[in-house]
Amino acid sequence: PPTGADLAEHRPGLFGLLLAWGERARFREELATKARDTPHLVGDIGLTMDQVRDELAKPLWRR
């Protein structure tokens, strides 16, 4: 099934924006959980803990 990000590409305007923000929020929540519960696996997804902290600090409107 398409993700919010996929739908946002095809839905201009406010609806697409809200979908993109929701997708980013879910991604960051999952990233925070993974970093907290399995920090030793963060490198397996190609990120450092500094990069994870930077990503989690971003507001919803920033990619």
PDB file of N, CA and C in Angstrom:
ATOM      1  N   PRO A   1       0.831  -1.198   0.000  1.00  0.00           N
ATOM      2  CA  PRO A   1       0.000   0.000   0.000  1.00  0.00           C
ATOM      3  C   PRO A   1       0.868   1.252   0.000  1.00  0.00           C
ATOM      4  N   PRO A   2       0.391   2.317  -0.577  1.00  0.00           N
ATOM      5  CA  PRO A   2       1.181   3.551  -0.617  1.00  0.00           C
ATOM      6  C   PRO A   2       1.328   4.153   0.768  1.00  0.00           C
ATOM      7  N   THR A   3       2.465   4.782   0.986  1.00  0.00           N
ATOM      8  CA  THR A   3       2.705   5.452   2.260  1.00  0.00           C
ATOM      9  C   THR A   3       2.194   6.876   2.170  1.00  0.00           C
ATOM     10  N   GLY A   4       2.186   7.570   3.294  1.00  0.00           N
ATOM     11  CA  GLY A   4       1.793   8.972   3.309  1.00  0.00           C
ATOM     12  C   GLY A   4       2.664   9.803   2.393  1.00  0.00           C
ATOM     13  N   ALA A   5       3.954   9.480   2.360  1.00  0.00           N
ATOM     14  CA  ALA A   5       4.873  10.225   1.499  1.00  0.00           C
ATOM     15  C   ALA A   5       4.518  10.016   0.026  1.00  0.00           C
ATOM     16  N   ASP A   6       4.142   8.777  -0.344  1.00  0.00           N
ATOM     17  CA  ASP A   6       3.742   8.506  -1.724  1.00  0.00           C
ATOM     18  C   ASP A   6       2.493   9.300  -2.082  1.00  0.00           C
ATOM     19  N   LEU A   7       1.526   9.320  -1.185  1.00  0.00           N
ATOM     20  CA  LEU A   7       0.291  10.052  -1.428  1.00  0.00           C
ATOM     21  C   LEU A   7       0.545  11.543  -1.497  1.00  0.00           C
ATOM     22  N   ALA A   8       1.446  12.038  -0.655  1.00  0.00           N
ATOM     23  CA  ALA A   8       1.723  13.471  -0.607  1.00  0.00           C
ATOM     24  C   ALA A   8       2.287  13.968  -1.936  1.00  0.00           C
ATOM     25  N   GLU A   9       3.045  13.122  -2.620  1.00  0.00           N
ATOM     26  CA  GLU A   9       3.609  13.523  -3.907  1.00  0.00           C
ATOM     27  C   GLU A   9       2.515  13.776  -4.935  1.00  0.00           C
ATOM     28  N   HIS A  10       1.413  13.075  -4.801  1.00  0.00           N
ATOM     29  CA  HIS A  10       0.335  13.173  -5.774  1.00  0.00           C
ATOM     30  C   HIS A  10      -0.818  14.038  -5.273  1.00  0.00           C
ATOM     31  N   ARG A  11      -0.706  14.560  -4.083  1.00  0.00           N
ATOM     32  CA  ARG A  11      -1.758  15.389  -3.502  1.00  0.00           C
ATOM     33  C   ARG A  11      -1.189  16.754  -3.149  1.00  0.00           C
ATOM     34  N   PRO A  12      -1.293  17.688  -4.044  1.00  0.00           N
ATOM     35  CA  PRO A  12      -0.755  19.015  -3.732  1.00  0.00           C
ATOM     36  C   PRO A  12      -1.608  19.711  -2.685  1.00  0.00           C
ATOM     37  N   GLY A  13      -1.052  20.743  -2.155  1.00  0.00           N
ATOM     38  CA  GLY A  13      -1.816  21.568  -1.230  1.00  0.00           C
ATOM     39  C   GLY A  13      -1.739  21.096   0.208  1.00  0.00           C
ATOM     40  N   LEU A  14      -2.701  21.545   0.969  1.00  0.00           N
ATOM     41  CA  LEU A  14      -2.714  21.302   2.402  1.00  0.00           C
ATOM     42  C   LEU A  14      -2.785  19.816   2.740  1.00  0.00           C
ATOM     43  N   PHE A  15      -3.601  19.064   2.010  1.00  0.00           N
ATOM     44  CA  PHE A  15      -3.726  17.637   2.289  1.00  0.00           C
ATOM     45  C   PHE A  15      -2.385  16.925   2.143  1.00  0.00           C
ATOM     46  N   GLY A  16      -1.683  17.205   1.068  1.00  0.00           N
ATOM     47  CA  GLY A  16      -0.371  16.592   0.853  1.00  0.00           C
ATOM     48  C   GLY A  16       0.627  17.006   1.917  1.00  0.00           C
ATOM     49  N   LEU A  17       0.566  18.262   2.301  1.00  0.00           N
ATOM     50  CA  LEU A  17       1.458  18.765   3.343  1.00  0.00           C
ATOM     51  C   LEU A  17       1.215  18.041   4.666  1.00  0.00           C
ATOM     52  N   LEU A  18      -0.048  17.890   5.024  1.00  0.00           N
ATOM     53  CA  LEU A  18      -0.380  17.194   6.272  1.00  0.00           C
ATOM     54  C   LEU A  18       0.032  15.722   6.225  1.00  0.00           C
ATOM     55  N   LEU A  19      -0.137  15.093   5.076  1.00  0.00           N
ATOM     56  CA  LEU A  19       0.309  13.703   4.928  1.00  0.00           C
ATOM     57  C   LEU A  19       1.825  13.592   5.111  1.00  0.00           C
ATOM     58  N   ALA A  20       2.558  14.503   4.498  1.00  0.00           N
ATOM     59  CA  ALA A  20       4.019  14.479   4.603  1.00  0.00           C
ATOM     60  C   ALA A  20       4.454  14.685   6.048  1.00  0.00           C
ATOM     61  N   TRP A  21       3.833  15.626   6.725  1.00  0.00           N
ATOM     62  CA  TRP A  21       4.182  15.876   8.125  1.00  0.00           C
ATOM     63  C   TRP A  21       3.870  14.664   9.001  1.00  0.00           C
ATOM     64  N   GLY A  22       2.743  14.017   8.741  1.00  0.00           N
ATOM     65  CA  GLY A  22       2.390  12.817   9.502  1.00  0.00           C
ATOM     66  C   GLY A  22       3.390  11.697   9.287  1.00  0.00           C
ATOM     67  N   GLU A  23       3.815  11.542   8.043  1.00  0.00           N
ATOM     68  CA  GLU A  23       4.807  10.512   7.713  1.00  0.00           C
ATOM     69  C   GLU A  23       6.135  10.803   8.423  1.00  0.00           C
ATOM     70  N   ARG A  24       6.546  12.056   8.419  1.00  0.00           N
ATOM     71  CA  ARG A  24       7.789  12.424   9.108  1.00  0.00           C
ATOM     72  C   ARG A  24       7.673  12.178  10.608  1.00  0.00           C
ATOM     73  N   ALA A  25       6.527  12.502  11.177  1.00  0.00           N
ATOM     74  CA  ALA A  25       6.329  12.292  12.615  1.00  0.00           C
ATOM     75  C   ALA A  25       6.421  10.807  12.950  1.00  0.00           C
ATOM     76  N   ARG A  26       5.770   9.966  12.155  1.00  0.00           N
ATOM     77  CA  ARG A  26       5.826   8.514  12.397  1.00  0.00           C
ATOM     78  C   ARG A  26       7.247   7.983  12.246  1.00  0.00           C
ATOM     79  N   PHE A  27       7.956   8.436  11.196  1.00  0.00           N
ATOM     80  CA  PHE A  27       9.339   8.004  10.997  1.00  0.00           C
ATOM     81  C   PHE A  27      10.200   8.376  12.196  1.00  0.00           C
ATOM     82  N   ARG A  28      10.054   9.600  12.670  1.00  0.00           N
ATOM     83  CA  ARG A  28      10.875  10.063  13.789  1.00  0.00           C
ATOM     84  C   ARG A  28      10.512   9.359  15.087  1.00  0.00           C
ATOM     85  N   GLU A  29       9.237   9.035  15.273  1.00  0.00           N
ATOM     86  CA  GLU A  29       8.849   8.261  16.453  1.00  0.00           C
ATOM     87  C   GLU A  29       9.476   6.864  16.415  1.00  0.00           C
ATOM     88  N   GLU A  30       9.424   6.228  15.256  1.00  0.00           N
ATOM     89  CA  GLU A  30      10.034   4.906  15.096  1.00  0.00           C
ATOM     90  C   GLU A  30      11.543   4.973  15.293  1.00  0.00           C
ATOM     91  N   LEU A  31      12.166   5.997  14.750  1.00  0.00           N
ATOM     92  CA  LEU A  31      13.608   6.173  14.900  1.00  0.00           C
ATOM     93  C   LEU A  31      13.979   6.366  16.369  1.00  0.00           C
ATOM     94  N   ALA A  32      13.199   7.160  17.078  1.00  0.00           N
ATOM     95  CA  ALA A  32      13.456   7.389  18.508  1.00  0.00           C
ATOM     96  C   ALA A  32      13.337   6.088  19.289  1.00  0.00           C
ATOM     97  N   THR A  33      12.335   5.297  18.965  1.00  0.00           N
ATOM     98  CA  THR A  33      12.138   4.013  19.653  1.00  0.00           C
ATOM     99  C   THR A  33      13.297   3.072  19.372  1.00  0.00           C
ATOM    100  N   LYS A  34      13.705   2.979  18.115  1.00  0.00           N
ATOM    101  CA  LYS A  34      14.825   2.104  17.763  1.00  0.00           C
ATOM    102  C   LYS A  34      16.118   2.561  18.434  1.00  0.00           C
ATOM    103  N   ALA A  35      16.354   3.860  18.443  1.00  0.00           N
ATOM    104  CA  ALA A  35      17.578   4.384  19.057  1.00  0.00           C
ATOM    105  C   ALA A  35      17.578   4.139  20.567  1.00  0.00           C
ATOM    106  N   ARG A  36      16.412   4.223  21.176  1.00  0.00           N
ATOM    107  CA  ARG A  36      16.311   4.002  22.625  1.00  0.00           C
ATOM    108  C   ARG A  36      16.426   2.509  22.976  1.00  0.00           C
ATOM    109  N   ASP A  37      15.691   1.679  22.229  1.00  0.00           N
ATOM    110  CA  ASP A  37      15.611   0.258  22.576  1.00  0.00           C
ATOM    111  C   ASP A  37      16.768  -0.581  22.042  1.00  0.00           C
ATOM    112  N   THR A  38      17.308  -0.197  20.898  1.00  0.00           N
ATOM    113  CA  THR A  38      18.388  -0.979  20.280  1.00  0.00           C
ATOM    114  C   THR A  38      19.455  -0.048  19.715  1.00  0.00           C
ATOM    115  N   PRO A  39      20.098   0.742  20.566  1.00  0.00           N
ATOM    116  CA  PRO A  39      21.085   1.705  20.056  1.00  0.00           C
ATOM    117  C   PRO A  39      22.244   1.047  19.318  1.00  0.00           C
ATOM    118  N   HIS A  40      22.540  -0.198  19.640  1.00  0.00           N
ATOM    119  CA  HIS A  40      23.640  -0.891  18.970  1.00  0.00           C
ATOM    120  C   HIS A  40      23.326  -1.191  17.499  1.00  0.00           C
ATOM    121  N   LEU A  41      22.058  -1.074  17.095  1.00  0.00           N
ATOM    122  CA  LEU A  41      21.676  -1.346  15.711  1.00  0.00           C
ATOM    123  C   LEU A  41      21.553  -0.081  14.862  1.00  0.00           C
ATOM    124  N   VAL A  42      21.729   1.078  15.462  1.00  0.00           N
ATOM    125  CA  VAL A  42      21.597   2.332  14.714  1.00  0.00           C
ATOM    126  C   VAL A  42      22.581   2.374  13.549  1.00  0.00           C
ATOM    127  N   GLY A  43      23.774   1.903  13.755  1.00  0.00           N
ATOM    128  CA  GLY A  43      24.768   1.869  12.674  1.00  0.00           C
ATOM    129  C   GLY A  43      24.343   0.989  11.514  1.00  0.00           C
ATOM    130  N   ASP A  44      23.519  -0.022  11.788  1.00  0.00           N
ATOM    131  CA  ASP A  44      23.051  -0.916  10.728  1.00  0.00           C
ATOM    132  C   ASP A  44      22.130  -0.211   9.739  1.00  0.00           C
ATOM    133  N   ILE A  45      21.502   0.871  10.159  1.00  0.00           N
ATOM    134  CA  ILE A  45      20.651   1.615   9.229  1.00  0.00           C
ATOM    135  C   ILE A  45      21.394   2.790   8.604  1.00  0.00           C
ATOM    136  N   GLY A  46      22.702   2.833   8.860  1.00  0.00           N
ATOM    137  CA  GLY A  46      23.542   3.828   8.207  1.00  0.00           C
ATOM    138  C   GLY A  46      23.581   5.187   8.882  1.00  0.00           C
ATOM    139  N   LEU A  47      23.238   5.240  10.158  1.00  0.00           N
ATOM    140  CA  LEU A  47      23.244   6.506  10.885  1.00  0.00           C
ATOM    141  C   LEU A  47      24.130   6.421  12.119  1.00  0.00           C
ATOM    142  N   THR A  48      24.611   7.564  12.531  1.00  0.00           N
ATOM    143  CA  THR A  48      25.298   7.658  13.818  1.00  0.00           C
ATOM    144  C   THR A  48      24.278   8.167  14.844  1.00  0.00           C
ATOM    145  N   MET A  49      24.601   8.042  16.104  1.00  0.00           N
ATOM    146  CA  MET A  49      23.700   8.558  17.133  1.00  0.00           C
ATOM    147  C   MET A  49      23.577  10.076  17.035  1.00  0.00           C
ATOM    148  N   ASP A  50      24.643  10.755  16.605  1.00  0.00           N
ATOM    149  CA  ASP A  50      24.558  12.208  16.403  1.00  0.00           C
ATOM    150  C   ASP A  50      23.550  12.536  15.301  1.00  0.00           C
ATOM    151  N   GLN A  51      23.566  11.761  14.226  1.00  0.00           N
ATOM    152  CA  GLN A  51      22.611  11.979  13.145  1.00  0.00           C
ATOM    153  C   GLN A  51      21.183  11.705  13.615  1.00  0.00           C
ATOM    154  N   VAL A  52      21.016  10.687  14.440  1.00  0.00           N
ATOM    155  CA  VAL A  52      19.691  10.376  14.989  1.00  0.00           C
ATOM    156  C   VAL A  52      19.205  11.542  15.844  1.00  0.00           C
ATOM    157  N   ARG A  53      20.053  12.058  16.710  1.00  0.00           N
ATOM    158  CA  ARG A  53      19.662  13.194  17.547  1.00  0.00           C
ATOM    159  C   ARG A  53      19.303  14.409  16.697  1.00  0.00           C
ATOM    160  N   ASP A  54      20.076  14.657  15.646  1.00  0.00           N
ATOM    161  CA  ASP A  54      19.779  15.777  14.751  1.00  0.00           C
ATOM    162  C   ASP A  54      18.422  15.590  14.068  1.00  0.00           C
ATOM    163  N   GLU A  55      18.162  14.385  13.605  1.00  0.00           N
ATOM    164  CA  GLU A  55      16.890  14.097  12.931  1.00  0.00           C
ATOM    165  C   GLU A  55      15.716  14.275  13.893  1.00  0.00           C
ATOM    166  N   LEU A  56      15.872  13.795  15.103  1.00  0.00           N
ATOM    167  CA  LEU A  56      14.784  13.882  16.075  1.00  0.00           C
ATOM    168  C   LEU A  56      14.532  15.309  16.541  1.00  0.00           C
ATOM    169  N   ALA A  57      15.525  16.159  16.426  1.00  0.00           N
ATOM    170  CA  ALA A  57      15.377  17.554  16.857  1.00  0.00           C
ATOM    171  C   ALA A  57      14.681  18.424  15.810  1.00  0.00           C
ATOM    172  N   LYS A  58      14.532  17.917  14.599  1.00  0.00           N
ATOM    173  CA  LYS A  58      13.925  18.714  13.530  1.00  0.00           C
ATOM    174  C   LYS A  58      12.424  18.889  13.762  1.00  0.00           C
ATOM    175  N   PRO A  59      11.891  20.055  13.402  1.00  0.00           N
ATOM    176  CA  PRO A  59      10.438  20.241  13.437  1.00  0.00           C
ATOM    177  C   PRO A  59       9.808  19.459  12.265  1.00  0.00           C
ATOM    178  N   LEU A  60       8.520  19.241  12.340  1.00  0.00           N
ATOM    179  CA  LEU A  60       7.809  18.452  11.314  1.00  0.00           C
ATOM    180  C   LEU A  60       7.980  18.980   9.897  1.00  0.00           C
ATOM    181  N   TRP A  61       8.092  20.275   9.762  1.00  0.00           N
ATOM    182  CA  TRP A  61       8.134  20.853   8.427  1.00  0.00           C
ATOM    183  C   TRP A  61       9.505  20.743   7.775  1.00  0.00           C
ATOM    184  N   ARG A  62      10.496  20.275   8.502  1.00  0.00           N
ATOM    185  CA  ARG A  62      11.835  20.094   7.905  1.00  0.00           C
ATOM    186  C   ARG A  62      12.044  18.655   7.505  1.00  0.00           C
ATOM    187  N   ARG A  63      12.624  18.465   6.308  1.00  0.00           N
ATOM    188  CA  ARG A  63      12.927  17.097   5.854  1.00  0.00           C
ATOM    189  C   ARG A  63      14.123  16.572   6.576  1.00  0.00           C
TER     190      ARG A  63
END
